Structure formats: C-alpha cells, structure tokens
Amino acid sequence: MEKTCQRSNLSVTPKMSRMFKVYQCIMFVVMVILLAMSIRGIQRSHAIGQLNDLLKQSMELNRQSITQLTAINEEFIQIAQELKKPKEQQPANLQERIKLNAERNQDLERLIKQNEELIDTMRKIQEASGIVPKKENSEAKAVLEKY
C-alpha cells in the first residue's frame, strides 16, 4: 500500500495521506475564516466612510440650525421691544416681521427634522455593520446630568 514518489525516495503511507488531508481541511477552514474577516473589515470601512459623510452633513445642518436659531432669537428680541412701545410708535411692518420670524421657525424645525433623520440613518448603518458606539463613562454621565 505504500506509494513511492517518483522524484524522491520518500514513501507516503495511508496515515500520512490522511494527516495531509486533515491539514488541508484545517488550512481551508482557516482561509475561509480569514476571508470572512477581511470581507467584514471591508464592509465596516465602507460603513465608516458612509458614516463620515453623514456626520459632515449633520454638522452642516447643525451649523445652519444654530445660525437660524440666532437670527430667530435676535428678531424675536427686537419684535418684543417694538411691542412694548405704544401702538402709534410701532413700525408698520411689525406684523410682517412676526410672520417672517414664524416662517424662519418652521424652517428651523425642518432643519432639525432633517438632522434627526440623518442621525437615525447613521444608527441604522452602525447596527447593520456591527459598529457599536462607545458607551459613556459613568463619571462623565454623572457630570453631564449635574449640569
């Protein structure tokens, strides 16, 4: 039952043949695991790229929201000061300014809603790709709750 290699004087026994097949199977399993890990890594890097783009969009929406909120607040203060004056001293366009400020407020609400949708999309991408956001430190959480 011994097979002899033609190029050398080595003989391959059935036991050695079985061991070689087991070794091949183990190596195949290791290669499949490594391939699966590399595919998962590629998927995560793609997800991280998507998250980065969405984060930039979210930051831009936040910047726009803050700008809009500042303008609304400043106009509200001016309108409140105008309303304190007697009716005869109030500017003629005061009602228009109030309506315009209300429209700005609705625009701000739309910006906030868009940002919330972006954040939800980011969470879904994180869940789908297995990326787990870092949990807050209990000490940091206590400080945040305190203030």
N, C-alpha and C. Protein backbone atom coordinates (compact mmCIF):
# COMPACT_ATOMS: atom_id res chain seq x y z
N MET A 1 0.81 -1.19 0.00
CA MET A 1 0.00 0.00 0.00
C MET A 1 0.85 1.25 0.00
N GLU A 2 2.09 1.15 0.17
CA GLU A 2 2.94 2.33 0.17
C GLU A 2 3.11 2.85 -1.24
N LYS A 3 2.97 4.18 -1.35
CA LYS A 3 3.19 4.83 -2.64
C LYS A 3 4.57 5.45 -2.59
N THR A 4 5.26 5.41 -3.68
CA THR A 4 6.60 5.99 -3.73
C THR A 4 6.57 7.16 -4.69
N CYS A 5 7.13 8.27 -4.26
CA CYS A 5 7.22 9.43 -5.14
C CYS A 5 8.28 9.15 -6.18
N GLN A 6 8.02 9.55 -7.38
CA GLN A 6 8.94 9.27 -8.47
C GLN A 6 10.20 10.10 -8.38
N ARG A 7 10.13 11.30 -7.86
CA ARG A 7 11.29 12.18 -7.83
C ARG A 7 12.20 11.91 -6.63
N SER A 8 11.66 11.35 -5.60
CA SER A 8 12.49 11.08 -4.44
C SER A 8 12.20 9.69 -3.92
N ASN A 9 12.93 9.34 -2.96
CA ASN A 9 12.77 8.02 -2.38
C ASN A 9 11.81 8.04 -1.19
N LEU A 10 10.99 9.11 -1.05
CA LEU A 10 10.05 9.21 0.06
C LEU A 10 8.85 8.33 -0.22
N SER A 11 8.39 7.69 0.79
CA SER A 11 7.19 6.88 0.63
C SER A 11 6.08 7.52 1.46
N VAL A 12 4.86 7.54 0.90
CA VAL A 12 3.72 8.14 1.55
C VAL A 12 2.81 7.01 2.02
N THR A 13 2.63 6.97 3.31
CA THR A 13 1.78 5.93 3.89
C THR A 13 0.34 6.43 3.93
N PRO A 14 -0.62 5.54 4.05
CA PRO A 14 -2.02 5.98 4.15
C PRO A 14 -2.24 6.90 5.36
N LYS A 15 -1.53 6.66 6.44
CA LYS A 15 -1.66 7.51 7.61
C LYS A 15 -1.18 8.92 7.31
N MET A 16 -0.06 9.05 6.60
CA MET A 16 0.47 10.36 6.22
C MET A 16 -0.48 11.05 5.26
N SER A 17 -1.10 10.30 4.38
CA SER A 17 -2.05 10.85 3.42
C SER A 17 -3.26 11.43 4.15
N ARG A 18 -3.76 10.70 5.13
CA ARG A 18 -4.90 11.19 5.92
C ARG A 18 -4.52 12.44 6.70
N MET A 19 -3.33 12.44 7.28
CA MET A 19 -2.87 13.61 8.03
C MET A 19 -2.77 14.83 7.12
N PHE A 20 -2.29 14.61 5.91
CA PHE A 20 -2.16 15.70 4.95
C PHE A 20 -3.55 16.23 4.59
N LYS A 21 -4.52 15.34 4.41
CA LYS A 21 -5.88 15.78 4.08
C LYS A 21 -6.50 16.56 5.25
N VAL A 22 -6.27 16.10 6.46
CA VAL A 22 -6.76 16.82 7.64
C VAL A 22 -6.11 18.21 7.69
N TYR A 23 -4.82 18.25 7.44
CA TYR A 23 -4.10 19.52 7.43
C TYR A 23 -4.68 20.44 6.36
N GLN A 24 -4.97 19.89 5.18
CA GLN A 24 -5.56 20.69 4.10
C GLN A 24 -6.94 21.23 4.52
N CYS A 25 -7.73 20.40 5.17
CA CYS A 25 -9.06 20.83 5.62
C CYS A 25 -8.95 21.96 6.65
N ILE A 26 -8.01 21.80 7.57
CA ILE A 26 -7.81 22.84 8.59
C ILE A 26 -7.38 24.14 7.93
N MET A 27 -6.46 24.06 7.01
CA MET A 27 -5.99 25.26 6.30
C MET A 27 -7.13 25.90 5.50
N PHE A 28 -7.99 25.09 4.92
CA PHE A 28 -9.13 25.61 4.17
C PHE A 28 -10.07 26.38 5.10
N VAL A 29 -10.35 25.80 6.27
CA VAL A 29 -11.23 26.45 7.24
C VAL A 29 -10.61 27.78 7.70
N VAL A 30 -9.30 27.77 7.97
CA VAL A 30 -8.61 28.99 8.39
C VAL A 30 -8.70 30.05 7.29
N MET A 31 -8.51 29.65 6.02
CA MET A 31 -8.60 30.59 4.90
C MET A 31 -10.01 31.16 4.77
N VAL A 32 -11.03 30.34 4.97
CA VAL A 32 -12.42 30.82 4.89
C VAL A 32 -12.69 31.82 6.00
N ILE A 33 -12.20 31.53 7.20
CA ILE A 33 -12.38 32.45 8.32
C ILE A 33 -11.68 33.77 8.05
N LEU A 34 -10.46 33.70 7.56
CA LEU A 34 -9.71 34.93 7.25
C LEU A 34 -10.39 35.72 6.13
N LEU A 35 -10.93 35.03 5.14
CA LEU A 35 -11.65 35.69 4.06
C LEU A 35 -12.90 36.38 4.59
N ALA A 36 -13.63 35.70 5.47
CA ALA A 36 -14.83 36.30 6.07
C ALA A 36 -14.47 37.52 6.90
N MET A 37 -13.37 37.45 7.64
CA MET A 37 -12.94 38.58 8.44
C MET A 37 -12.54 39.75 7.55
N SER A 38 -11.86 39.49 6.45
CA SER A 38 -11.45 40.58 5.56
C SER A 38 -12.67 41.21 4.88
N ILE A 39 -13.65 40.39 4.51
CA ILE A 39 -14.88 40.94 3.91
C ILE A 39 -15.59 41.81 4.93
N ARG A 40 -15.66 41.35 6.15
CA ARG A 40 -16.31 42.13 7.22
C ARG A 40 -15.57 43.44 7.44
N GLY A 41 -14.26 43.41 7.39
CA GLY A 41 -13.46 44.62 7.54
C GLY A 41 -13.71 45.61 6.41
N ILE A 42 -13.83 45.09 5.20
CA ILE A 42 -14.14 45.96 4.05
C ILE A 42 -15.52 46.58 4.22
N GLN A 43 -16.48 45.78 4.65
CA GLN A 43 -17.83 46.30 4.87
C GLN A 43 -17.83 47.38 5.95
N ARG A 44 -17.09 47.16 7.01
CA ARG A 44 -17.02 48.16 8.08
C ARG A 44 -16.35 49.43 7.59
N SER A 45 -15.29 49.31 6.81
CA SER A 45 -14.62 50.52 6.33
C SER A 45 -15.55 51.29 5.40
N HIS A 46 -16.34 50.58 4.61
CA HIS A 46 -17.33 51.25 3.74
C HIS A 46 -18.38 51.95 4.61
N ALA A 47 -18.83 51.27 5.65
CA ALA A 47 -19.83 51.86 6.56
C ALA A 47 -19.25 53.08 7.26
N ILE A 48 -17.99 53.01 7.65
CA ILE A 48 -17.36 54.14 8.32
C ILE A 48 -17.27 55.33 7.36
N GLY A 49 -16.99 55.06 6.08
CA GLY A 49 -16.97 56.13 5.09
C GLY A 49 -18.34 56.78 4.95
N GLN A 50 -19.39 55.94 4.92
CA GLN A 50 -20.75 56.47 4.84
C GLN A 50 -21.07 57.29 6.08
N LEU A 51 -20.70 56.77 7.25
CA LEU A 51 -20.96 57.48 8.50
C LEU A 51 -20.24 58.82 8.53
N ASN A 52 -19.02 58.85 8.02
CA ASN A 52 -18.25 60.09 7.98
C ASN A 52 -18.95 61.13 7.11
N ASP A 53 -19.44 60.71 5.94
CA ASP A 53 -20.17 61.64 5.06
C ASP A 53 -21.44 62.14 5.73
N LEU A 54 -22.19 61.23 6.35
CA LEU A 54 -23.41 61.63 7.04
C LEU A 54 -23.12 62.55 8.22
N LEU A 55 -22.02 62.30 8.90
CA LEU A 55 -21.64 63.14 10.03
C LEU A 55 -21.33 64.56 9.55
N LYS A 56 -20.65 64.68 8.43
CA LYS A 56 -20.36 66.00 7.86
C LYS A 56 -21.66 66.73 7.51
N GLN A 57 -22.61 66.00 6.92
CA GLN A 57 -23.90 66.60 6.59
C GLN A 57 -24.62 67.04 7.86
N SER A 58 -24.57 66.21 8.89
CA SER A 58 -25.23 66.53 10.15
C SER A 58 -24.60 67.76 10.79
N MET A 59 -23.28 67.86 10.74
CA MET A 59 -22.61 69.03 11.29
C MET A 59 -23.00 70.30 10.53
N GLU A 60 -23.14 70.20 9.22
CA GLU A 60 -23.56 71.35 8.42
C GLU A 60 -25.00 71.75 8.78
N LEU A 61 -25.88 70.76 8.95
CA LEU A 61 -27.25 71.07 9.36
C LEU A 61 -27.28 71.71 10.75
N ASN A 62 -26.41 71.24 11.64
CA ASN A 62 -26.31 71.85 12.97
C ASN A 62 -25.86 73.30 12.88
N ARG A 63 -24.87 73.55 12.02
CA ARG A 63 -24.38 74.92 11.84
C ARG A 63 -25.50 75.81 11.31
N GLN A 64 -26.24 75.31 10.31
CA GLN A 64 -27.36 76.08 9.77
C GLN A 64 -28.44 76.31 10.82
N SER A 65 -28.70 75.29 11.63
CA SER A 65 -29.72 75.41 12.68
C SER A 65 -29.33 76.47 13.70
N ILE A 66 -28.07 76.49 14.09
CA ILE A 66 -27.60 77.48 15.06
C ILE A 66 -27.69 78.89 14.47
N THR A 67 -27.31 79.04 13.21
CA THR A 67 -27.42 80.34 12.55
C THR A 67 -28.87 80.80 12.49
N GLN A 68 -29.75 79.86 12.11
CA GLN A 68 -31.17 80.18 12.01
C GLN A 68 -31.75 80.52 13.39
N LEU A 69 -31.38 79.75 14.39
CA LEU A 69 -31.87 79.99 15.75
C LEU A 69 -31.40 81.35 16.27
N THR A 70 -30.16 81.70 15.98
CA THR A 70 -29.64 83.00 16.40
C THR A 70 -30.43 84.14 15.74
N ALA A 71 -30.69 84.02 14.44
CA ALA A 71 -31.45 85.04 13.73
C ALA A 71 -32.87 85.15 14.28
N ILE A 72 -33.50 84.00 14.54
CA ILE A 72 -34.86 84.00 15.10
C ILE A 72 -34.87 84.68 16.47
N ASN A 73 -33.90 84.33 17.29
CA ASN A 73 -33.83 84.90 18.64
C ASN A 73 -33.62 86.41 18.60
N GLU A 74 -32.69 86.87 17.76
CA GLU A 74 -32.43 88.30 17.66
C GLU A 74 -33.67 89.05 17.18
N GLU A 75 -34.35 88.50 16.16
CA GLU A 75 -35.55 89.14 15.64
C GLU A 75 -36.67 89.12 16.69
N PHE A 76 -36.76 88.05 17.44
CA PHE A 76 -37.77 87.95 18.50
C PHE A 76 -37.56 89.04 19.55
N ILE A 77 -36.31 89.25 19.92
CA ILE A 77 -35.99 90.29 20.91
C ILE A 77 -36.37 91.67 20.38
N GLN A 78 -36.05 91.92 19.12
CA GLN A 78 -36.39 93.22 18.52
C GLN A 78 -37.91 93.40 18.44
N ILE A 79 -38.61 92.34 18.04
CA ILE A 79 -40.08 92.42 17.96
C ILE A 79 -40.67 92.66 19.34
N ALA A 80 -40.14 92.00 20.36
CA ALA A 80 -40.64 92.18 21.73
C ALA A 80 -40.43 93.62 22.19
N GLN A 81 -39.28 94.22 21.83
CA GLN A 81 -39.03 95.61 22.19
C GLN A 81 -39.99 96.55 21.46
N GLU A 82 -40.28 96.24 20.20
CA GLU A 82 -41.21 97.06 19.43
C GLU A 82 -42.62 96.96 20.00
N LEU A 83 -43.01 95.78 20.47
CA LEU A 83 -44.35 95.59 21.02
C LEU A 83 -44.55 96.32 22.35
N LYS A 84 -43.45 96.62 23.05
CA LYS A 84 -43.54 97.35 24.31
C LYS A 84 -43.92 98.82 24.08
N LYS A 85 -43.62 99.30 22.88
CA LYS A 85 -43.90 100.70 22.56
C LYS A 85 -45.40 100.89 22.35
N PRO A 86 -45.87 102.13 22.50
CA PRO A 86 -47.28 102.39 22.19
C PRO A 86 -47.59 102.06 20.72
N LYS A 87 -48.83 101.76 20.43
CA LYS A 87 -49.27 101.33 19.09
C LYS A 87 -48.86 102.33 18.01
N GLU A 88 -48.90 103.61 18.30
CA GLU A 88 -48.56 104.64 17.31
C GLU A 88 -47.08 104.65 16.96
N GLN A 89 -46.23 104.21 17.88
CA GLN A 89 -44.78 104.24 17.66
C GLN A 89 -44.25 102.92 17.07
N GLN A 90 -45.09 101.94 16.95
CA GLN A 90 -44.65 100.64 16.39
C GLN A 90 -44.50 100.76 14.88
N PRO A 91 -43.49 100.09 14.31
CA PRO A 91 -43.31 100.16 12.86
C PRO A 91 -44.49 99.51 12.12
N ALA A 92 -44.71 99.96 10.90
CA ALA A 92 -45.84 99.46 10.11
C ALA A 92 -45.66 98.00 9.70
N ASN A 93 -44.43 97.57 9.55
CA ASN A 93 -44.16 96.21 9.08
C ASN A 93 -44.01 95.19 10.21
N LEU A 94 -44.45 95.52 11.40
CA LEU A 94 -44.27 94.64 12.56
C LEU A 94 -44.96 93.29 12.36
N GLN A 95 -46.17 93.29 11.84
CA GLN A 95 -46.89 92.02 11.61
C GLN A 95 -46.16 91.16 10.57
N GLU A 96 -45.61 91.81 9.56
CA GLU A 96 -44.84 91.07 8.54
C GLU A 96 -43.60 90.44 9.17
N ARG A 97 -42.94 91.18 10.04
CA ARG A 97 -41.75 90.66 10.72
C ARG A 97 -42.11 89.46 11.60
N ILE A 98 -43.27 89.54 12.26
CA ILE A 98 -43.71 88.41 13.10
C ILE A 98 -43.97 87.18 12.23
N LYS A 99 -44.62 87.39 11.08
CA LYS A 99 -44.88 86.26 10.16
C LYS A 99 -43.57 85.70 9.61
N LEU A 100 -42.65 86.58 9.25
CA LEU A 100 -41.35 86.13 8.73
C LEU A 100 -40.60 85.32 9.78
N ASN A 101 -40.67 85.77 11.03
CA ASN A 101 -39.99 85.04 12.11
C ASN A 101 -40.64 83.67 12.33
N ALA A 102 -41.95 83.62 12.18
CA ALA A 102 -42.64 82.32 12.31
C ALA A 102 -42.22 81.38 11.17
N GLU A 103 -42.04 81.93 9.97
CA GLU A 103 -41.57 81.11 8.84
C GLU A 103 -40.15 80.61 9.09
N ARG A 104 -39.31 81.49 9.64
CA ARG A 104 -37.94 81.07 9.99
C ARG A 104 -37.97 79.93 11.01
N ASN A 105 -38.90 80.04 11.94
CA ASN A 105 -39.05 79.00 12.97
C ASN A 105 -39.43 77.67 12.31
N GLN A 106 -40.32 77.70 11.33
CA GLN A 106 -40.71 76.48 10.61
C GLN A 106 -39.52 75.92 9.82
N ASP A 107 -38.72 76.81 9.22
CA ASP A 107 -37.51 76.35 8.53
C ASP A 107 -36.55 75.68 9.49
N LEU A 108 -36.44 76.25 10.69
CA LEU A 108 -35.59 75.66 11.72
C LEU A 108 -36.09 74.27 12.10
N GLU A 109 -37.39 74.12 12.23
CA GLU A 109 -37.97 72.81 12.55
C GLU A 109 -37.65 71.80 11.45
N ARG A 110 -37.70 72.23 10.19
CA ARG A 110 -37.35 71.32 9.07
C ARG A 110 -35.88 70.91 9.14
N LEU A 111 -35.01 71.86 9.45
CA LEU A 111 -33.58 71.54 9.57
C LEU A 111 -33.35 70.52 10.69
N ILE A 112 -34.02 70.72 11.80
CA ILE A 112 -33.87 69.80 12.94
C ILE A 112 -34.39 68.42 12.56
N LYS A 113 -35.52 68.37 11.86
CA LYS A 113 -36.08 67.08 11.44
C LYS A 113 -35.14 66.37 10.47
N GLN A 114 -34.54 67.11 9.52
CA GLN A 114 -33.58 66.51 8.59
C GLN A 114 -32.39 65.94 9.35
N ASN A 115 -31.93 66.68 10.36
CA ASN A 115 -30.80 66.21 11.15
C ASN A 115 -31.16 64.96 11.94
N GLU A 116 -32.36 64.90 12.48
CA GLU A 116 -32.80 63.71 13.20
C GLU A 116 -32.86 62.51 12.26
N GLU A 117 -33.31 62.72 11.02
CA GLU A 117 -33.36 61.63 10.04
C GLU A 117 -31.95 61.15 9.70
N LEU A 118 -31.00 62.09 9.57
CA LEU A 118 -29.61 61.71 9.33
C LEU A 118 -29.06 60.87 10.48
N ILE A 119 -29.36 61.29 11.69
CA ILE A 119 -28.88 60.56 12.87
C ILE A 119 -29.50 59.16 12.91
N ASP A 120 -30.77 59.03 12.57
CA ASP A 120 -31.41 57.71 12.52
C ASP A 120 -30.75 56.84 11.46
N THR A 121 -30.44 57.43 10.30
CA THR A 121 -29.76 56.69 9.25
C THR A 121 -28.39 56.22 9.73
N MET A 122 -27.69 57.09 10.45
CA MET A 122 -26.38 56.72 10.98
C MET A 122 -26.49 55.55 11.96
N ARG A 123 -27.51 55.58 12.80
CA ARG A 123 -27.72 54.47 13.75
C ARG A 123 -27.99 53.17 13.02
N LYS A 124 -28.81 53.24 11.97
CA LYS A 124 -29.13 52.03 11.20
C LYS A 124 -27.88 51.46 10.55
N ILE A 125 -27.03 52.33 10.00
CA ILE A 125 -25.79 51.87 9.38
C ILE A 125 -24.88 51.24 10.43
N GLN A 126 -24.81 51.85 11.61
CA GLN A 126 -24.00 51.29 12.69
C GLN A 126 -24.50 49.90 13.09
N GLU A 127 -25.81 49.76 13.23
CA GLU A 127 -26.37 48.47 13.62
C GLU A 127 -26.13 47.43 12.54
N ALA A 128 -26.35 47.81 11.28
CA ALA A 128 -26.20 46.86 10.17
C ALA A 128 -24.76 46.40 10.00
N SER A 129 -23.82 47.27 10.28
CA SER A 129 -22.41 46.92 10.07
C SER A 129 -21.74 46.41 11.34
N GLY A 130 -22.46 46.39 12.44
CA GLY A 130 -21.89 45.86 13.67
C GLY A 130 -20.98 46.84 14.39
N ILE A 131 -21.05 48.10 14.00
CA ILE A 131 -20.24 49.11 14.68
C ILE A 131 -21.02 49.56 15.91
N VAL A 132 -20.41 49.41 17.06
CA VAL A 132 -21.08 49.76 18.31
C VAL A 132 -20.49 51.08 18.80
N PRO A 133 -21.34 52.10 18.98
CA PRO A 133 -20.81 53.36 19.51
C PRO A 133 -20.28 53.17 20.92
N LYS A 134 -19.28 53.96 21.26
CA LYS A 134 -18.70 53.88 22.60
C LYS A 134 -19.74 54.29 23.62
N LYS A 135 -19.76 53.55 24.72
CA LYS A 135 -20.68 53.87 25.80
C LYS A 135 -20.06 54.96 26.67
N GLU A 136 -20.94 55.80 27.20
CA GLU A 136 -20.46 56.89 28.04
C GLU A 136 -19.93 56.36 29.36
N ASN A 137 -18.89 56.98 29.80
CA ASN A 137 -18.32 56.69 31.10
C ASN A 137 -19.32 57.11 32.17
N SER A 138 -19.49 56.34 33.22
CA SER A 138 -20.46 56.66 34.27
C SER A 138 -20.13 58.00 34.94
N GLU A 139 -18.84 58.31 35.10
CA GLU A 139 -18.45 59.58 35.70
C GLU A 139 -18.83 60.75 34.79
N ALA A 140 -18.58 60.59 33.47
CA ALA A 140 -18.93 61.64 32.52
C ALA A 140 -20.44 61.83 32.48
N LYS A 141 -21.17 60.74 32.55
CA LYS A 141 -22.63 60.82 32.54
C LYS A 141 -23.14 61.55 33.78
N ALA A 142 -22.53 61.30 34.93
CA ALA A 142 -22.93 61.97 36.16
C ALA A 142 -22.66 63.48 36.08
N VAL A 143 -21.54 63.85 35.49
CA VAL A 143 -21.21 65.26 35.33
C VAL A 143 -22.19 65.94 34.39
N LEU A 144 -22.52 65.26 33.28
CA LEU A 144 -23.48 65.81 32.33
C LEU A 144 -24.86 65.99 32.96
N GLU A 145 -25.29 65.03 33.76
CA GLU A 145 -26.57 65.14 34.43
C GLU A 145 -26.57 66.25 35.47
N LYS A 146 -25.43 66.48 36.09
CA LYS A 146 -25.33 67.51 37.11
C LYS A 146 -25.54 68.89 36.51
N TYR A 147 -24.98 69.11 35.31
CA TYR A 147 -25.09 70.41 34.69
C TYR A 147 -26.18 70.42 33.67
